[in-house]
Structures are given as structure tokens and as C-alpha cells.
Amino acid sequence: MQSYAVVVLFAASVLWGLSWLPLKYLNQQGFDGIELTLFLYLIMFGLMLPWLWAKRGQIKPHWKVLLGVALLGGGAQLAFNTALIYGEVIRVMVLFYLVPIWGVLGGRLFLGENIDKGRWLGVGLAISGVFLIVGGMNAFLEPPSWIDGLALLSGFLFAMNNIVFRVSQAVSIRLKITFMFLGSVILAATILLFQAEPPVFNVSASAWGMLFLYGAVWMMFANFGTQWAVTHLEVGRSSIILIMELVTAIVSASLILGETMLPIEMLGGGLILIAAFIEARRSS
């Protein structure tokens, strides 16, 4: 079972790392960032709706957990997609990958988990890495872009969502993921509702078909494959495999988009990657 879980998690991590490809393609076909997230997660929630209706009795006893997942997980997905669509893939992914460090700090604040010298080292490396990526001392002259902010926010929300998942073992993972989809839909729809100008949908039938396949196949497997696999693997082992998401994004964006990082950004990214490895190894 573990070898199968490794394959599934590896495949899901690669899909997450390549998720920028269909997102940017669909954006070029006429889907705005918020609209794209709305329809993408509406498709996935719609596919889960018959199952959710059959399990509706499980909602009321766990409504607090499900509300937290909808807000945190849904917000993380919305921020992550928007940052990937409009930002540089490598930069967004590296900033997002502070997830393990946010998880360490969140575990300390909300679960009372101990942070020893090794974990403080990882936190320090990660913070130093972010400081270098956003421009080092230049960050005090020109603030980071809104895309940088979204990338950091998505990682923070995702880490907090993971904590909610950890403390709610009695709640079905499938139910929590379904409410994460619902949260993305509600948040995206709310933003569109308060926009000054109503959205204009001018996309082709083939683009709608691509969006449906991306949601129904690609993203459904990435979401459920990741959650299923991590429940069958040791925490440290799964954390290391998940780093393939970052590696895949960096390599693919370099080859396809020709994206590069300045030496100072590469140093910052290296520090974050080392911090992630330290936490992954310690978790084992």
C-alpha cells in the first residue's frame, strides 16, 4: 500500500507543480482570475454534490470545522490560483512554499507544539529566504507586489487549513475537501459581486471544455490523491515527496516560459528549500 501511495503522491505533486499551465492558458482564453477560480471549483463542488447530499447528516455536528475549512482552504485556493495566473510562476511557488514554516508556527500557537533549536533554524532560514526574494534591503524602498502578498497569504491559509485537518480526524477527509471547494466558490462569487464592473464571459466552447476537464480530472485527482496518499505515509516521507511540487514548477516554468531568478532570489529560494527539507526530515 505504501509504494502505491508514494506513486499517487508523486503524481499529484507533479500535477500541482504544473497547475500553472492550464491556469495561464485558460486565462489567455478569456477567463479572468477570479472567474476562473469560481467556475473551476464550482465544477468540482458540483461533482461532489450528490455525495454531499447523501452525507448531509454529517454536516451539522461538524459545522465549525467545515466552516473553518471553507474559509481557510477556499481562501488559500483562491489566492494561490490568482497569484499563479498573474504572477511569475517560480516566484509565486517559492513564496507559497513557506507552508511548512507557517505550519510550525501555527502548531506552536494553536496546538502548543514545541519549537526547539532545529525548528527555529528552519524558521530563520525561511524568513531570510523570503527577505531575499522580495528584494532584500530594497524591500524597504519599494514594497512587495500584491502578487507577492497573495502568494504568501495562500501559503499561510493553506498551512492553517492543514492544522484544521489535523485536529479534526473524526471528520471525513472527503467532506472537508468538498467544503474547501464550496469555500472557494463562495469567496470568488463574493469578490465578483462587489466588483465595480460586472464580469464579461467571452470564451469559446473549447475553453469551457478544457476548464471542465481541468477541474473534473486534473484538480480532482490532485486534491484527493494528495489527501489520500498522505494518510498512508509517514509525515516526513510525504513532506519530502511534496517538495516535488516546487521542483516541478521551477523546472517547467524555466523550460516553457524561460523564467529565471536573480542570484539573490535563487539564494532566497535555496534557503526556503533547505528549511522545508529540515522540517520534513524532522517530522519523520
Protein backbone atom coordinates (compact mmCIF):
# COMPACT_ATOMS: atom_id res chain seq x y z
CA MET A 1 0.00 0.00 0.00
CA GLN A 2 2.81 2.42 0.85
CA SER A 3 4.52 2.01 -2.52
CA TYR A 4 1.20 2.75 -4.25
CA ALA A 5 0.72 5.80 -2.01
CA VAL A 6 4.19 7.06 -2.98
CA VAL A 7 3.29 6.84 -6.68
CA VAL A 8 -0.04 8.61 -6.16
CA LEU A 9 1.53 11.40 -4.07
CA PHE A 10 4.36 11.85 -6.57
CA ALA A 11 1.88 12.12 -9.45
CA ALA A 12 -0.36 14.52 -7.51
CA SER A 13 2.65 16.71 -6.60
CA VAL A 14 3.67 16.91 -10.26
CA LEU A 15 0.12 17.92 -11.21
CA TRP A 16 0.15 20.65 -8.56
CA GLY A 17 3.52 21.84 -9.84
CA LEU A 18 2.19 22.03 -13.40
CA SER A 19 -1.16 23.56 -12.46
CA TRP A 20 0.05 26.96 -13.67
CA LEU A 21 -0.06 25.69 -17.29
CA PRO A 22 -3.85 25.25 -17.65
CA LEU A 23 -4.48 28.26 -15.41
CA LYS A 24 -2.49 30.63 -17.60
CA TYR A 25 -3.86 29.01 -20.78
CA LEU A 26 -7.46 29.41 -19.65
CA ASN A 27 -6.76 32.99 -18.61
CA GLN A 28 -5.49 33.68 -22.15
CA GLN A 29 -8.73 32.15 -23.49
CA GLY A 30 -10.79 34.83 -21.74
CA PHE A 31 -11.30 33.67 -18.13
CA ASP A 32 -10.37 36.33 -15.60
CA GLY A 33 -8.54 35.12 -12.49
CA ILE A 34 -11.46 35.28 -10.05
CA GLU A 35 -13.93 33.98 -12.64
CA LEU A 36 -11.62 31.07 -13.40
CA THR A 37 -11.44 30.04 -9.75
CA LEU A 38 -15.21 30.40 -9.38
CA PHE A 39 -16.05 28.12 -12.30
CA LEU A 40 -13.21 25.69 -11.61
CA TYR A 41 -14.32 24.97 -8.06
CA LEU A 42 -17.99 25.14 -8.99
CA ILE A 43 -17.34 22.21 -11.33
CA MET A 44 -15.59 20.22 -8.61
CA PHE A 45 -18.22 21.05 -5.98
CA GLY A 46 -20.96 20.13 -8.44
CA LEU A 47 -19.39 16.72 -9.00
CA MET A 48 -19.29 16.15 -5.24
CA LEU A 49 -22.81 17.45 -4.60
CA PRO A 50 -24.64 14.07 -4.96
CA TRP A 51 -22.24 12.52 -2.46
CA LEU A 52 -22.59 15.52 -0.13
CA TRP A 53 -26.38 15.25 -0.23
CA ALA A 54 -26.15 11.60 0.79
CA LYS A 55 -23.87 12.56 3.72
CA ARG A 56 -25.74 15.74 4.70
CA GLY A 57 -26.36 14.36 8.19
CA GLN A 58 -22.62 14.73 8.92
CA ILE A 59 -22.61 18.48 8.29
CA LYS A 60 -24.40 19.85 11.37
CA PRO A 61 -22.30 18.03 14.03
CA HIS A 62 -19.07 19.31 12.44
CA TRP A 63 -20.18 22.70 11.11
CA LYS A 64 -17.42 24.64 12.91
CA VAL A 65 -14.67 22.52 11.35
CA LEU A 66 -16.30 22.68 7.94
CA LEU A 67 -16.69 26.46 8.17
CA GLY A 68 -13.00 26.78 9.01
CA VAL A 69 -12.02 24.58 6.07
CA ALA A 70 -14.28 26.56 3.72
CA LEU A 71 -12.74 29.89 4.74
CA LEU A 72 -9.11 28.83 5.11
CA GLY A 73 -8.89 26.19 2.37
CA GLY A 74 -11.15 28.10 -0.01
CA GLY A 75 -9.20 31.30 0.58
CA ALA A 76 -5.89 29.51 0.04
CA GLN A 77 -7.03 28.10 -3.30
CA LEU A 78 -8.39 31.45 -4.48
CA ALA A 79 -5.22 33.36 -3.53
CA PHE A 80 -2.93 30.66 -4.97
CA ASN A 81 -4.72 30.48 -8.33
CA THR A 82 -4.87 34.26 -8.70
CA ALA A 83 -1.18 34.66 -7.89
CA LEU A 84 -0.20 31.93 -10.37
CA ILE A 85 -2.33 33.41 -13.15
CA TYR A 86 -0.94 36.93 -12.90
CA GLY A 87 2.49 36.39 -11.37
CA GLU A 88 5.81 34.75 -12.19
CA VAL A 89 5.39 31.04 -11.58
CA ILE A 90 8.73 30.42 -9.88
CA ARG A 91 8.46 33.42 -7.58
CA VAL A 92 4.88 32.57 -6.56
CA MET A 93 5.69 28.92 -5.90
CA VAL A 94 8.77 29.68 -3.83
CA LEU A 95 6.87 32.19 -1.68
CA PHE A 96 3.95 29.77 -1.33
CA TYR A 97 6.33 27.09 -0.15
CA LEU A 98 6.63 28.70 3.26
CA VAL A 99 3.75 26.31 4.12
CA PRO A 100 5.95 24.05 6.35
CA ILE A 101 7.19 27.08 8.31
CA TRP A 102 3.70 28.55 8.76
CA GLY A 103 2.71 25.08 9.92
CA VAL A 104 5.46 25.07 12.58
CA LEU A 105 4.41 28.49 13.90
CA GLY A 106 0.71 27.60 13.73
CA GLY A 107 1.34 24.35 15.55
CA ARG A 108 3.03 26.30 18.33
CA LEU A 109 0.30 28.93 18.61
CA PHE A 110 -2.79 26.72 18.28
CA LEU A 111 -1.65 23.23 19.30
CA GLY A 112 1.08 24.04 21.81
CA GLU A 113 3.70 22.10 19.86
CA ASN A 114 7.30 22.62 20.92
CA ILE A 115 9.72 24.58 18.71
CA ASP A 116 13.28 23.54 19.54
CA LYS A 117 16.56 24.89 18.15
CA GLY A 118 16.30 22.82 14.96
CA ARG A 119 12.85 24.16 14.16
CA TRP A 120 13.88 27.75 14.94
CA LEU A 121 16.75 27.27 12.49
CA GLY A 122 14.26 26.27 9.78
CA VAL A 123 12.03 29.25 10.57
CA GLY A 124 15.01 31.60 10.45
CA LEU A 125 16.19 30.22 7.11
CA ALA A 126 12.72 30.55 5.60
CA ILE A 127 12.25 34.13 6.78
CA SER A 128 15.70 35.04 5.47
CA GLY A 129 14.80 33.43 2.15
CA VAL A 130 11.63 35.47 1.80
CA PHE A 131 13.51 38.64 2.68
CA LEU A 132 15.96 37.99 -0.16
CA ILE A 133 13.26 37.04 -2.68
CA VAL A 134 11.23 40.20 -2.14
CA GLY A 135 14.32 42.31 -2.77
CA GLY A 136 16.42 42.30 0.38
CA MET A 137 17.04 45.85 1.61
CA ASN A 138 15.23 47.17 -1.48
CA ALA A 139 12.01 45.87 0.07
CA PHE A 140 12.13 48.90 2.38
CA LEU A 141 12.25 51.21 -0.64
CA GLU A 142 9.63 49.50 -2.78
CA PRO A 143 7.07 47.29 -1.05
CA PRO A 144 6.47 43.75 -2.41
CA SER A 145 3.80 43.49 -5.11
CA TRP A 146 0.22 42.45 -4.45
CA ILE A 147 1.05 39.16 -6.18
CA ASP A 148 3.81 38.51 -3.63
CA GLY A 149 1.26 39.23 -0.92
CA LEU A 150 -1.23 36.78 -2.41
CA ALA A 151 1.44 34.07 -2.70
CA LEU A 152 2.41 34.49 0.95
CA LEU A 153 -1.26 34.65 2.00
CA SER A 154 -2.09 31.45 0.11
CA GLY A 155 0.72 29.57 1.87
CA PHE A 156 -0.34 30.88 5.28
CA LEU A 157 -4.01 30.00 4.75
CA PHE A 158 -3.10 26.56 3.40
CA ALA A 159 -0.95 25.84 6.47
CA MET A 160 -3.75 26.93 8.82
CA ASN A 161 -6.16 24.76 6.84
CA ASN A 162 -3.80 21.81 7.33
CA ILE A 163 -3.94 22.40 11.09
CA VAL A 164 -7.74 22.27 10.98
CA PHE A 165 -7.46 18.99 9.07
CA ARG A 166 -5.09 17.61 11.71
CA VAL A 167 -7.31 18.44 14.69
CA SER A 168 -10.48 17.09 13.06
CA GLN A 169 -9.56 13.47 12.42
CA ALA A 170 -13.13 12.38 13.17
CA VAL A 171 -14.45 14.34 10.18
CA SER A 172 -14.32 12.68 6.77
CA ILE A 173 -11.49 13.99 4.57
CA ARG A 174 -13.82 13.86 1.58
CA LEU A 175 -16.32 16.04 3.42
CA LYS A 176 -13.65 18.58 4.33
CA ILE A 177 -12.32 18.76 0.78
CA THR A 178 -15.85 19.24 -0.56
CA PHE A 179 -16.35 22.21 1.77
CA MET A 180 -12.98 23.57 0.67
CA PHE A 181 -14.36 23.56 -2.89
CA LEU A 182 -17.53 25.28 -1.66
CA GLY A 183 -15.50 27.89 0.19
CA SER A 184 -13.58 28.77 -2.99
CA VAL A 185 -16.86 29.18 -4.87
CA ILE A 186 -18.44 31.42 -2.22
CA LEU A 187 -15.36 33.62 -1.76
CA ALA A 188 -14.82 34.05 -5.52
CA ALA A 189 -18.51 34.81 -6.08
CA THR A 190 -18.46 37.37 -3.25
CA ILE A 191 -15.50 39.21 -4.77
CA LEU A 192 -17.15 39.27 -8.19
CA LEU A 193 -20.38 40.54 -6.63
CA PHE A 194 -18.64 43.59 -5.17
CA GLN A 195 -16.56 44.42 -8.24
CA ALA A 196 -17.26 47.81 -9.81
CA GLU A 197 -17.86 46.28 -13.23
CA PRO A 198 -19.79 43.04 -13.85
CA PRO A 199 -17.70 40.20 -15.31
CA VAL A 200 -17.92 39.61 -19.05
CA PHE A 201 -17.76 36.00 -20.19
CA ASN A 202 -16.41 35.86 -23.71
CA VAL A 203 -14.87 32.42 -24.07
CA SER A 204 -15.17 29.65 -26.63
CA ALA A 205 -16.87 26.28 -26.18
CA SER A 206 -13.48 24.55 -26.37
CA ALA A 207 -12.21 26.71 -23.49
CA TRP A 208 -15.22 25.69 -21.39
CA GLY A 209 -14.48 22.06 -22.24
CA MET A 210 -10.84 22.48 -21.22
CA LEU A 211 -11.94 24.08 -17.95
CA PHE A 212 -14.28 21.17 -17.22
CA LEU A 213 -11.57 18.57 -17.89
CA TYR A 214 -9.07 20.50 -15.81
CA GLY A 215 -11.44 20.60 -12.85
CA ALA A 216 -13.06 17.16 -13.18
CA VAL A 217 -9.88 15.20 -13.86
CA TRP A 218 -6.68 17.13 -13.12
CA MET A 219 -7.67 19.03 -9.99
CA MET A 220 -9.89 16.31 -8.55
CA PHE A 221 -7.02 13.83 -8.72
CA ALA A 222 -4.52 16.38 -7.37
CA ASN A 223 -6.74 17.20 -4.36
CA PHE A 224 -7.97 13.74 -3.44
CA GLY A 225 -4.76 11.97 -4.47
CA THR A 226 -2.70 14.17 -2.16
CA GLN A 227 -5.02 13.80 0.81
CA TRP A 228 -5.38 10.02 0.35
CA ALA A 229 -1.65 9.44 -0.03
CA VAL A 230 -0.54 11.49 2.98
CA THR A 231 -2.84 9.44 5.22
CA HIS A 232 -0.96 6.28 4.16
CA LEU A 233 2.60 7.62 4.52
CA GLU A 234 4.81 8.85 7.34
CA VAL A 235 4.69 12.62 7.73
CA GLY A 236 8.38 13.11 6.94
CA ARG A 237 8.29 10.92 3.85
CA SER A 238 5.19 12.60 2.42
CA SER A 239 6.61 16.07 3.16
CA ILE A 240 9.74 15.32 1.13
CA ILE A 241 7.74 13.94 -1.81
CA LEU A 242 5.52 17.04 -1.75
CA ILE A 243 8.59 19.17 -2.45
CA MET A 244 8.34 17.76 -5.99
CA GLU A 245 5.56 20.31 -6.46
CA LEU A 246 8.06 23.14 -6.11
CA VAL A 247 10.73 21.40 -8.19
CA THR A 248 8.24 20.67 -10.99
CA ALA A 249 7.05 24.27 -11.07
CA ILE A 250 10.58 25.67 -11.20
CA VAL A 251 11.79 23.31 -13.93
CA SER A 252 8.65 23.63 -16.09
CA ALA A 253 8.48 27.42 -15.84
CA SER A 254 12.18 27.66 -16.71
CA LEU A 255 11.82 25.42 -19.76
CA ILE A 256 8.46 26.65 -21.07
CA LEU A 257 8.33 30.30 -20.02
CA GLY A 258 12.04 30.97 -19.84
CA GLU A 259 11.64 32.35 -16.33
CA THR A 260 14.82 32.93 -14.36
CA MET A 261 15.64 34.19 -10.90
CA LEU A 262 18.21 36.78 -9.91
CA PRO A 263 21.15 35.41 -7.88
CA ILE A 264 19.73 36.95 -4.70
CA GLU A 265 16.33 35.34 -5.40
CA MET A 266 17.98 31.97 -6.08
CA LEU A 267 19.77 32.24 -2.73
CA GLY A 268 16.48 33.05 -1.02
CA GLY A 269 14.73 30.14 -2.73
CA GLY A 270 17.55 27.83 -1.68
CA LEU A 271 17.16 28.87 1.96
CA ILE A 272 13.41 28.18 1.84
CA LEU A 273 14.01 24.78 0.22
CA ILE A 274 16.59 23.88 2.90
CA ALA A 275 14.12 24.93 5.60
CA ALA A 276 11.43 22.72 4.04
CA PHE A 277 13.83 19.75 3.95
CA ILE A 278 14.81 20.32 7.58
CA GLU A 279 11.19 20.30 8.71
CA ALA A 280 10.36 17.28 6.51
CA ARG A 281 13.24 15.25 7.91
CA ARG A 282 12.43 16.24 11.49
CA SER A 283 8.77 15.28 11.01
CA SER A 284 9.81 11.71 10.27
